[in-house]
C-alpha atoms as a PDB file:
ATOM      1  CA  MET A   1      72.970 219.957 -23.074  1.00  0.00           C
ATOM      2  CA  LYS A   2      69.655 218.669 -21.684  1.00  0.00           C
ATOM      3  CA  LEU A   3      69.945 216.067 -18.926  1.00  0.00           C
ATOM      4  CA  ILE A   4      67.616 213.789 -16.999  1.00  0.00           C
ATOM      5  CA  LEU A   5      68.957 212.840 -13.570  1.00  0.00           C
ATOM      6  CA  MET A   6      68.006 209.678 -11.693  1.00  0.00           C
ATOM      7  CA  GLY A   7      69.078 209.076  -8.111  1.00  0.00           C
ATOM      8  CA  THR A   8      67.936 208.797  -4.516  1.00  0.00           C
ATOM      9  CA  ASN A   9      70.611 208.848  -1.812  1.00  0.00           C
ATOM     10  CA  SER A  10      72.238 211.842  -0.112  1.00  0.00           C
ATOM     11  CA  PHE A  11      75.732 211.340  -1.557  1.00  0.00           C
ATOM     12  CA  VAL A  12      74.235 211.851  -5.023  1.00  0.00           C
ATOM     13  CA  VAL A  13      73.069 215.397  -4.239  1.00  0.00           C
ATOM     14  CA  PRO A  14      76.461 217.189  -4.613  1.00  0.00           C
ATOM     15  CA  ILE A  15      77.026 215.384  -7.922  1.00  0.00           C
ATOM     16  CA  PHE A  16      73.631 216.395  -9.294  1.00  0.00           C
ATOM     17  CA  ASP A  17      74.115 219.918  -7.961  1.00  0.00           C
ATOM     18  CA  ALA A  18      77.370 220.244  -9.921  1.00  0.00           C
ATOM     19  CA  LEU A  19      75.619 219.053 -13.082  1.00  0.00           C
ATOM     20  CA  ALA A  20      72.669 221.402 -12.544  1.00  0.00           C
ATOM     21  CA  ASN A  21      75.094 224.332 -12.343  1.00  0.00           C
ATOM     22  CA  LYS A  22      76.293 223.621 -15.893  1.00  0.00           C
ATOM     23  CA  TYR A  23      73.504 221.889 -17.792  1.00  0.00           C
ATOM     24  CA  ASP A  24      69.773 222.119 -18.440  1.00  0.00           C
ATOM     25  CA  ILE A  25      68.010 219.601 -16.180  1.00  0.00           C
ATOM     26  CA  ILE A  26      64.659 218.724 -17.743  1.00  0.00           C
ATOM     27  CA  GLY A  27      63.643 216.105 -15.194  1.00  0.00           C
ATOM     28  CA  VAL A  28      64.703 214.407 -11.960  1.00  0.00           C
ATOM     29  CA  PHE A  29      63.633 210.862 -11.116  1.00  0.00           C
ATOM     30  CA  THR A  30      63.888 209.530  -7.579  1.00  0.00           C
ATOM     31  CA  ARG A  31      62.289 206.963  -5.288  1.00  0.00           C
ATOM     32  CA  ALA A  32      58.862 207.715  -3.854  1.00  0.00           C
ATOM     33  CA  PRO A  33      58.605 209.083  -0.284  1.00  0.00           C
ATOM     34  CA  LYS A  34      58.662 206.389   2.409  1.00  0.00           C
ATOM     35  CA  PRO A  35      57.970 206.210   6.158  1.00  0.00           C
ATOM     36  CA  MET A  36      61.006 207.067   8.290  1.00  0.00           C
ATOM     37  CA  GLY A  37      61.821 206.979  12.001  1.00  0.00           C
ATOM     38  CA  ARG A  38      59.820 205.746  14.961  1.00  0.00           C
ATOM     39  CA  LYS A  39      56.791 207.807  13.963  1.00  0.00           C
ATOM     40  CA  HIS A  40      56.947 206.566  10.355  1.00  0.00           C
ATOM     41  CA  VAL A  41      56.781 210.070   8.925  1.00  0.00           C
ATOM     42  CA  LEU A  42      56.480 209.995   5.132  1.00  0.00           C
ATOM     43  CA  THR A  43      59.806 211.470   3.988  1.00  0.00           C
ATOM     44  CA  LYS A  44      61.039 212.534   0.580  1.00  0.00           C
ATOM     45  CA  SER A  45      64.424 211.279  -0.593  1.00  0.00           C
ATOM     46  CA  PRO A  46      67.457 213.598  -0.374  1.00  0.00           C
ATOM     47  CA  VAL A  47      67.442 213.940  -4.165  1.00  0.00           C
ATOM     48  CA  HIS A  48      63.718 214.770  -4.125  1.00  0.00           C
ATOM     49  CA  GLN A  49      64.266 217.511  -1.533  1.00  0.00           C
ATOM     50  CA  TRP A  50      67.228 218.890  -3.479  1.00  0.00           C
ATOM     51  CA  ALA A  51      65.298 218.994  -6.765  1.00  0.00           C
ATOM     52  CA  GLU A  52      62.385 220.851  -5.173  1.00  0.00           C
ATOM     53  CA  LYS A  53      64.741 223.453  -3.678  1.00  0.00           C
ATOM     54  CA  ARG A  54      66.198 224.061  -7.134  1.00  0.00           C
ATOM     55  CA  GLY A  55      62.750 224.249  -8.718  1.00  0.00           C
ATOM     56  CA  LEU A  56      63.335 221.197 -10.913  1.00  0.00           C
ATOM     57  CA  PRO A  57      60.519 218.875 -12.049  1.00  0.00           C
ATOM     58  CA  VAL A  58      60.498 215.716  -9.888  1.00  0.00           C
ATOM     59  CA  HIS A  59      59.105 212.299 -10.771  1.00  0.00           C
ATOM     60  CA  THR A  60      58.735 209.506  -8.213  1.00  0.00           C
ATOM     61  CA  SER A  61      57.724 206.787 -10.663  1.00  0.00           C
ATOM     62  CA  ILE A  62      59.714 205.599 -13.667  1.00  0.00           C
ATOM     63  CA  LYS A  63      56.347 205.055 -15.361  1.00  0.00           C
ATOM     64  CA  GLU A  64      56.224 208.828 -15.831  1.00  0.00           C
ATOM     65  CA  PHE A  65      59.302 208.805 -18.085  1.00  0.00           C
ATOM     66  CA  ASP A  66      57.340 208.736 -21.329  1.00  0.00           C
ATOM     67  CA  LEU A  67      55.350 211.786 -20.198  1.00  0.00           C
ATOM     68  CA  ILE A  68      58.409 214.052 -20.520  1.00  0.00           C
ATOM     69  CA  SER A  69      57.886 216.152 -23.628  1.00  0.00           C
ATOM     70  CA  GLU A  70      61.516 217.191 -24.196  1.00  0.00           C
ATOM     71  CA  LYS A  71      64.115 214.725 -25.442  1.00  0.00           C
ATOM     72  CA  PRO A  72      67.220 214.501 -23.237  1.00  0.00           C
ATOM     73  CA  ASP A  73      70.720 214.495 -24.675  1.00  0.00           C
ATOM     74  CA  MET A  74      71.897 212.263 -21.830  1.00  0.00           C
ATOM     75  CA  ILE A  75      70.540 210.462 -18.752  1.00  0.00           C
ATOM     76  CA  VAL A  76      72.716 210.293 -15.624  1.00  0.00           C
ATOM     77  CA  VAL A  77      71.869 207.544 -13.132  1.00  0.00           C
ATOM     78  CA  ILE A  78      73.493 207.291  -9.681  1.00  0.00           C
ATOM     79  CA  SER A  79      72.192 205.172  -6.804  1.00  0.00           C
ATOM     80  CA  TYR A  80      68.628 205.201  -8.126  1.00  0.00           C
ATOM     81  CA  GLY A  81      67.581 201.678  -7.141  1.00  0.00           C
ATOM     82  CA  VAL A  82      65.111 201.150  -9.996  1.00  0.00           C
ATOM     83  CA  ILE A  83      65.435 198.767 -12.946  1.00  0.00           C
ATOM     84  CA  LEU A  84      65.408 200.736 -16.211  1.00  0.00           C
ATOM     85  CA  ARG A  85      63.508 199.384 -19.215  1.00  0.00           C
ATOM     86  CA  ASP A  86      64.139 199.825 -22.933  1.00  0.00           C
ATOM     87  CA  ASN A  87      61.983 202.950 -23.174  1.00  0.00           C
ATOM     88  CA  VAL A  88      64.540 204.703 -20.929  1.00  0.00           C
ATOM     89  CA  LEU A  89      67.695 203.012 -22.190  1.00  0.00           C
ATOM     90  CA  ASN A  90      66.822 203.770 -25.807  1.00  0.00           C
ATOM     91  CA  ALA A  91      65.755 207.381 -25.212  1.00  0.00           C
ATOM     92  CA  ALA A  92      69.295 208.769 -24.915  1.00  0.00           C
ATOM     93  CA  LYS A  93      72.811 207.816 -23.863  1.00  0.00           C
ATOM     94  CA  CYS A  94      72.454 206.553 -20.310  1.00  0.00           C
ATOM     95  CA  ILE A  95      75.484 206.673 -17.995  1.00  0.00           C
ATOM     96  CA  ASN A  96      76.018 205.633 -14.410  1.00  0.00           C
ATOM     97  CA  ILE A  97      78.495 206.198 -11.581  1.00  0.00           C
ATOM     98  CA  HIS A  98      79.145 202.955  -9.714  1.00  0.00           C
ATOM     99  CA  PRO A  99      81.465 202.951  -6.675  1.00  0.00           C
ATOM    100  CA  SER A 100      83.355 199.684  -7.020  1.00  0.00           C
ATOM    101  CA  SER A 101      86.131 197.987  -8.957  1.00  0.00           C
ATOM    102  CA  LEU A 102      83.778 196.424 -11.497  1.00  0.00           C
ATOM    103  CA  PRO A 103      82.955 193.645 -12.125  1.00  0.00           C
ATOM    104  CA  LYS A 104      83.701 193.211  -8.413  1.00  0.00           C
ATOM    105  CA  TYR A 105      80.872 194.361  -6.142  1.00  0.00           C
ATOM    106  CA  ARG A 106      78.015 194.861  -8.531  1.00  0.00           C
ATOM    107  CA  GLY A 107      74.664 195.508  -6.899  1.00  0.00           C
ATOM    108  CA  PRO A 108      73.142 197.620  -4.130  1.00  0.00           C
ATOM    109  CA  SER A 109      75.895 197.891  -1.481  1.00  0.00           C
ATOM    110  CA  PRO A 110      79.352 198.164  -3.092  1.00  0.00           C
ATOM    111  CA  ILE A 111      80.877 200.621  -0.602  1.00  0.00           C
ATOM    112  CA  ARG A 112      79.627 198.834   2.512  1.00  0.00           C
ATOM    113  CA  THR A 113      80.749 195.482   1.128  1.00  0.00           C
ATOM    114  CA  ALA A 114      84.229 196.755   0.292  1.00  0.00           C
ATOM    115  CA  ILE A 115      84.675 198.154   3.821  1.00  0.00           C
ATOM    116  CA  LEU A 116      83.232 195.019   5.425  1.00  0.00           C
ATOM    117  CA  ASN A 117      85.699 192.862   3.487  1.00  0.00           C
ATOM    118  CA  GLY A 118      88.629 195.026   4.540  1.00  0.00           C
ATOM    119  CA  GLU A 119      89.465 196.400   1.089  1.00  0.00           C
ATOM    120  CA  LYS A 120      92.191 199.068   1.072  1.00  0.00           C
ATOM    121  CA  ASN A 121      91.021 200.820  -2.090  1.00  0.00           C
ATOM    122  CA  MET A 122      88.266 200.809  -4.684  1.00  0.00           C
ATOM    123  CA  ASP A 123      87.456 202.209  -8.108  1.00  0.00           C
ATOM    124  CA  VAL A 124      84.811 204.718  -9.019  1.00  0.00           C
ATOM    125  CA  CYS A 125      83.513 203.724 -12.463  1.00  0.00           C
ATOM    126  CA  LEU A 126      81.703 205.838 -15.027  1.00  0.00           C
ATOM    127  CA  MET A 127      79.873 203.322 -17.144  1.00  0.00           C
ATOM    128  CA  ASP A 128      77.137 202.618 -19.666  1.00  0.00           C
ATOM    129  CA  VAL A 129      73.752 201.562 -18.305  1.00  0.00           C
ATOM    130  CA  VAL A 130      72.407 198.309 -19.778  1.00  0.00           C
ATOM    131  CA  SER A 131      69.520 196.039 -18.857  1.00  0.00           C
ATOM    132  CA  GLU A 132      71.749 193.709 -16.795  1.00  0.00           C
ATOM    133  CA  MET A 133      72.643 195.157 -13.398  1.00  0.00           C
ATOM    134  CA  ASP A 134      75.973 197.048 -13.397  1.00  0.00           C
ATOM    135  CA  ALA A 135      77.181 195.079 -16.438  1.00  0.00           C
ATOM    136  CA  GLY A 136      77.754 197.925 -18.900  1.00  0.00           C
ATOM    137  CA  ASP A 137      81.019 198.948 -20.515  1.00  0.00           C
ATOM    138  CA  VAL A 138      83.224 201.281 -18.472  1.00  0.00           C
ATOM    139  CA  TYR A 139      84.289 204.665 -19.864  1.00  0.00           C
ATOM    140  CA  MET A 140      86.484 205.779 -16.993  1.00  0.00           C
ATOM    141  CA  ARG A 141      87.892 204.493 -13.685  1.00  0.00           C
ATOM    142  CA  LYS A 142      89.495 206.361 -10.827  1.00  0.00           C
ATOM    143  CA  ASN A 143      90.958 204.603  -7.804  1.00  0.00           C
ATOM    144  CA  ILE A 144      90.404 205.947  -4.292  1.00  0.00           C
ATOM    145  CA  GLU A 145      91.842 204.819  -0.961  1.00  0.00           C
ATOM    146  CA  ILE A 146      89.790 203.263   1.829  1.00  0.00           C
ATOM    147  CA  GLY A 147      91.463 204.408   5.039  1.00  0.00           C
ATOM    148  CA  GLU A 148      91.718 202.330   8.216  1.00  0.00           C
ATOM    149  CA  ASN A 149      88.898 204.300   9.867  1.00  0.00           C
ATOM    150  CA  ASP A 150      86.880 205.272   6.808  1.00  0.00           C
ATOM    151  CA  THR A 151      83.167 204.584   7.146  1.00  0.00           C
ATOM    152  CA  ASN A 152      80.414 204.276   4.572  1.00  0.00           C
ATOM    153  CA  ASP A 153      79.669 207.984   5.089  1.00  0.00           C
ATOM    154  CA  THR A 154      83.262 209.161   4.605  1.00  0.00           C
ATOM    155  CA  MET A 155      83.678 206.944   1.551  1.00  0.00           C
ATOM    156  CA  GLU A 156      80.465 208.276   0.031  1.00  0.00           C
ATOM    157  CA  LYS A 157      81.962 211.769   0.327  1.00  0.00           C
ATOM    158  CA  LYS A 158      85.119 210.588  -1.462  1.00  0.00           C
ATOM    159  CA  VAL A 159      83.024 208.940  -4.179  1.00  0.00           C
ATOM    160  CA  SER A 160      80.929 212.069  -4.602  1.00  0.00           C
ATOM    161  CA  ASP A 161      83.978 214.314  -4.989  1.00  0.00           C
ATOM    162  CA  THR A 162      85.579 211.883  -7.442  1.00  0.00           C
ATOM    163  CA  ALA A 163      82.388 211.483  -9.482  1.00  0.00           C
ATOM    164  CA  ILE A 164      82.081 215.253  -9.904  1.00  0.00           C
ATOM    165  CA  GLU A 165      85.605 215.354 -11.351  1.00  0.00           C
ATOM    166  CA  MET A 166      84.939 212.387 -13.641  1.00  0.00           C
ATOM    167  CA  LEU A 167      81.668 213.710 -15.019  1.00  0.00           C
ATOM    168  CA  ASP A 168      83.162 217.156 -15.507  1.00  0.00           C
ATOM    169  CA  GLU A 169      85.891 215.583 -17.621  1.00  0.00           C
ATOM    170  CA  TYR A 170      83.640 213.169 -19.503  1.00  0.00           C
ATOM    171  CA  MET A 171      80.758 215.483 -20.381  1.00  0.00           C
ATOM    172  CA  VAL A 172      82.982 217.919 -22.269  1.00  0.00           C
ATOM    173  CA  HIS A 173      84.501 215.335 -24.620  1.00  0.00           C
ATOM    174  CA  PRO A 174      82.737 211.948 -24.261  1.00  0.00           C
ATOM    175  CA  GLU A 175      84.316 210.803 -27.527  1.00  0.00           C
ATOM    176  CA  ASP A 176      87.704 210.779 -25.769  1.00  0.00           C
ATOM    177  CA  PHE A 177      86.581 207.877 -23.554  1.00  0.00           C
ATOM    178  CA  PRO A 178      85.995 204.654 -25.523  1.00  0.00           C
ATOM    179  CA  PRO A 179      83.928 201.956 -23.787  1.00  0.00           C
ATOM    180  CA  ILE A 180      85.920 199.096 -22.239  1.00  0.00           C
ATOM    181  CA  LYS A 181      84.272 195.794 -21.399  1.00  0.00           C
ATOM    182  CA  GLN A 182      84.418 194.555 -17.819  1.00  0.00           C
ATOM    183  CA  ILE A 183      86.908 191.743 -17.309  1.00  0.00           C
ATOM    184  CA  GLY A 184      87.208 189.415 -14.330  1.00  0.00           C
ATOM    185  CA  GLU A 185      85.068 187.559 -11.834  1.00  0.00           C
ATOM    186  CA  VAL A 186      81.638 189.017 -11.164  1.00  0.00           C
ATOM    187  CA  VAL A 187      81.022 189.520  -7.427  1.00  0.00           C
ATOM    188  CA  LEU A 188      77.497 190.528  -6.408  1.00  0.00           C
ATOM    189  CA  THR A 189      76.546 192.492  -3.299  1.00  0.00           C
ATOM    190  CA  ARG A 190      73.309 192.372  -1.329  1.00  0.00           C
ATOM    191  CA  LYS A 191      71.247 194.649   0.860  1.00  0.00           C
ATOM    192  CA  PHE A 192      72.201 194.465   4.524  1.00  0.00           C
ATOM    193  CA  THR A 193      69.673 194.054   7.339  1.00  0.00           C
ATOM    194  CA  GLY A 194      69.629 194.565  11.080  1.00  0.00           C
ATOM    195  CA  GLU A 195      70.803 190.994  11.519  1.00  0.00           C
ATOM    196  CA  ASP A 196      74.102 191.922   9.884  1.00  0.00           C
ATOM    197  CA  GLU A 197      74.723 194.464  12.663  1.00  0.00           C
ATOM    198  CA  ILE A 198      74.835 191.809  15.399  1.00  0.00           C
ATOM    199  CA  ILE A 199      78.420 191.413  16.633  1.00  0.00           C
ATOM    200  CA  ASP A 200      80.001 187.961  16.838  1.00  0.00           C
ATOM    201  CA  TRP A 201      82.717 188.420  19.448  1.00  0.00           C
ATOM    202  CA  LYS A 202      84.509 185.350  18.113  1.00  0.00           C
ATOM    203  CA  LYS A 203      85.523 187.380  15.079  1.00  0.00           C
ATOM    204  CA  THR A 204      88.832 189.238  15.004  1.00  0.00           C
ATOM    205  CA  PRO A 205      89.079 192.859  16.211  1.00  0.00           C
ATOM    206  CA  GLN A 206      89.661 193.962  12.604  1.00  0.00           C
ATOM    207  CA  GLN A 207      86.571 192.122  11.357  1.00  0.00           C
ATOM    208  CA  ILE A 208      84.405 193.740  14.029  1.00  0.00           C
ATOM    209  CA  HIS A 209      85.902 197.159  13.306  1.00  0.00           C
ATOM    210  CA  ASN A 210      85.155 196.667   9.600  1.00  0.00           C
ATOM    211  CA  GLN A 211      81.585 195.635  10.404  1.00  0.00           C
ATOM    212  CA  ILE A 212      80.890 198.733  12.486  1.00  0.00           C
ATOM    213  CA  ARG A 213      82.377 201.218  10.052  1.00  0.00           C
ATOM    214  CA  ALA A 214      80.657 199.537   7.084  1.00  0.00           C
ATOM    215  CA  LEU A 215      77.173 199.274   8.594  1.00  0.00           C
ATOM    216  CA  GLY A 216      77.221 202.322  10.864  1.00  0.00           C
ATOM    217  CA  CYS A 217      76.929 200.349  14.084  1.00  0.00           C
ATOM    218  CA  GLY A 218      77.251 196.953  15.698  1.00  0.00           C
ATOM    219  CA  ARG A 219      74.595 195.619  18.079  1.00  0.00           C
ATOM    220  CA  THR A 220      75.408 193.536  21.148  1.00  0.00           C
ATOM    221  CA  LYS A 221      74.950 193.254  24.908  1.00  0.00           C
ATOM    222  CA  ILE A 222      77.460 194.555  27.443  1.00  0.00           C
ATOM    223  CA  ASN A 223      76.789 193.451  31.012  1.00  0.00           C
ATOM    224  CA  GLY A 224      73.260 192.576  29.942  1.00  0.00           C
ATOM    225  CA  ILE A 225      72.602 196.029  28.468  1.00  0.00           C
ATOM    226  CA  ASP A 226      71.491 196.249  24.840  1.00  0.00           C
ATOM    227  CA  VAL A 227      73.873 198.648  23.100  1.00  0.00           C
ATOM    228  CA  LYS A 228      74.851 199.910  19.694  1.00  0.00           C
ATOM    229  CA  ILE A 229      78.579 200.364  19.197  1.00  0.00           C
ATOM    230  CA  LEU A 230      78.835 203.368  16.899  1.00  0.00           C
ATOM    231  CA  GLU A 231      82.571 203.932  16.501  1.00  0.00           C
ATOM    232  CA  THR A 232      85.693 201.855  17.079  1.00  0.00           C
ATOM    233  CA  GLU A 233      89.425 201.955  16.425  1.00  0.00           C
ATOM    234  CA  ILE A 234      92.162 199.346  16.190  1.00  0.00           C
ATOM    235  CA  ASP A 235      94.858 200.033  18.797  1.00  0.00           C
ATOM    236  CA  ASN A 236      97.926 197.732  18.688  1.00  0.00           C
ATOM    237  CA  GLY A 237      95.803 194.902  17.316  1.00  0.00           C
ATOM    238  CA  SER A 238      92.999 195.342  19.867  1.00  0.00           C
ATOM    239  CA  LEU A 239      89.521 196.758  19.357  1.00  0.00           C
ATOM    240  CA  ARG A 240      88.916 200.039  21.158  1.00  0.00           C
ATOM    241  CA  ILE A 241      85.348 201.266  21.514  1.00  0.00           C
ATOM    242  CA  VAL A 242      85.101 205.029  20.969  1.00  0.00           C
ATOM    243  CA  LYS A 243      81.354 205.746  20.936  1.00  0.00           C
ATOM    244  CA  ILE A 244      78.443 203.687  22.192  1.00  0.00           C
ATOM    245  CA  GLN A 245      74.680 204.049  22.579  1.00  0.00           C
ATOM    246  CA  PRO A 246      72.853 202.095  25.293  1.00  0.00           C
ATOM    247  CA  SER A 247      69.239 201.257  24.483  1.00  0.00           C
ATOM    248  CA  GLY A 248      66.946 204.205  25.195  1.00  0.00           C
ATOM    249  CA  LYS A 249      69.821 206.641  25.778  1.00  0.00           C
ATOM    250  CA  ASN A 250      71.816 209.130  23.755  1.00  0.00           C
ATOM    251  CA  PRO A 251      75.194 208.219  22.241  1.00  0.00           C
ATOM    252  CA  MET A 252      78.115 208.602  24.651  1.00  0.00           C
ATOM    253  CA  ASP A 253      81.843 208.012  24.760  1.00  0.00           C
ATOM    254  CA  TRP A 254      83.177 204.716  26.086  1.00  0.00           C
ATOM    255  CA  LYS A 255      84.529 206.205  29.315  1.00  0.00           C
ATOM    256  CA  SER A 256      81.108 207.593  30.249  1.00  0.00           C
ATOM    257  CA  PHE A 257      79.531 204.206  29.637  1.00  0.00           C
ATOM    258  CA  ILE A 258      82.161 202.439  31.764  1.00  0.00           C
ATOM    259  CA  ASN A 259      81.663 204.915  34.597  1.00  0.00           C
ATOM    260  CA  GLY A 260      77.988 203.963  34.612  1.00  0.00           C
ATOM    261  CA  LEU A 261      78.922 200.328  35.312  1.00  0.00           C
ATOM    262  CA  HIS A 262      80.410 201.379  38.684  1.00  0.00           C
ATOM    263  CA  GLY A 263      83.451 199.140  38.465  1.00  0.00           C
ATOM    264  CA  ALA A 264      81.668 195.929  37.370  1.00  0.00           C
ATOM    265  CA  ALA A 265      83.687 193.518  35.245  1.00  0.00           C
ATOM    266  CA  ILE A 266      82.857 193.924  31.573  1.00  0.00           C
ATOM    267  CA  LYS A 267      81.079 191.044  29.827  1.00  0.00           C
ATOM    268  CA  TYR A 268      80.535 191.216  26.061  1.00  0.00           C
ATOM    269  CA  GLY A 269      77.673 189.411  24.330  1.00  0.00           C
ATOM    270  CA  ASP A 270      74.800 187.365  25.729  1.00  0.00           C
END
């Protein structure tokens, strides 16, 4: 079977790697390199780097799709971030892995949104790609647990492992999985920004814990020091800071940070 793969983010790489071990990959589409870090170094996406290591042809513009000479049997799209037009959708069966309980949490940040909202579990959906965002029929769902301390990174690993199993099952006998229309209220997600990382200390300990594990950090001031809180836990209903990074310094554990305050009373926020 000849496949075209479309994706960008790091959690997609193990899924694509599993497919490349079994099928003929005739093209990989990913987002173009973009500036990263303080020095704005132009950096290729994780999928781009993976494809080059495997010697696969890489395309960083969807406009290059019609230049592919071979016809794919199937197109697999996961976390690509590009709107697909009819020339792609009509070229071959186009399927997608979407990590949410569709139609809940369509859009660009389903995992982060689920964690932020305190969800205890979520579906991984294997679905048809259509012109409307994440609105296609669903061929398969598998439910996975969101643990109390799961983060976006740990949930991406769970999604990746689950997606590999689902695609392995589906690709052998796709006719065994009839399409099922999405039913229920449509809930859209959005891209998060740095503003979303700012901690409101009026929120509950659980809400703050959810914010930090969903977004990767929470930004605030402690005793006038700008800090990023990197890891927290809920201990008997209270928020316990595990790892913190003061501005301009390396990450450290909470005890080391407290020792640096030399016994001063702790003040959170501005």
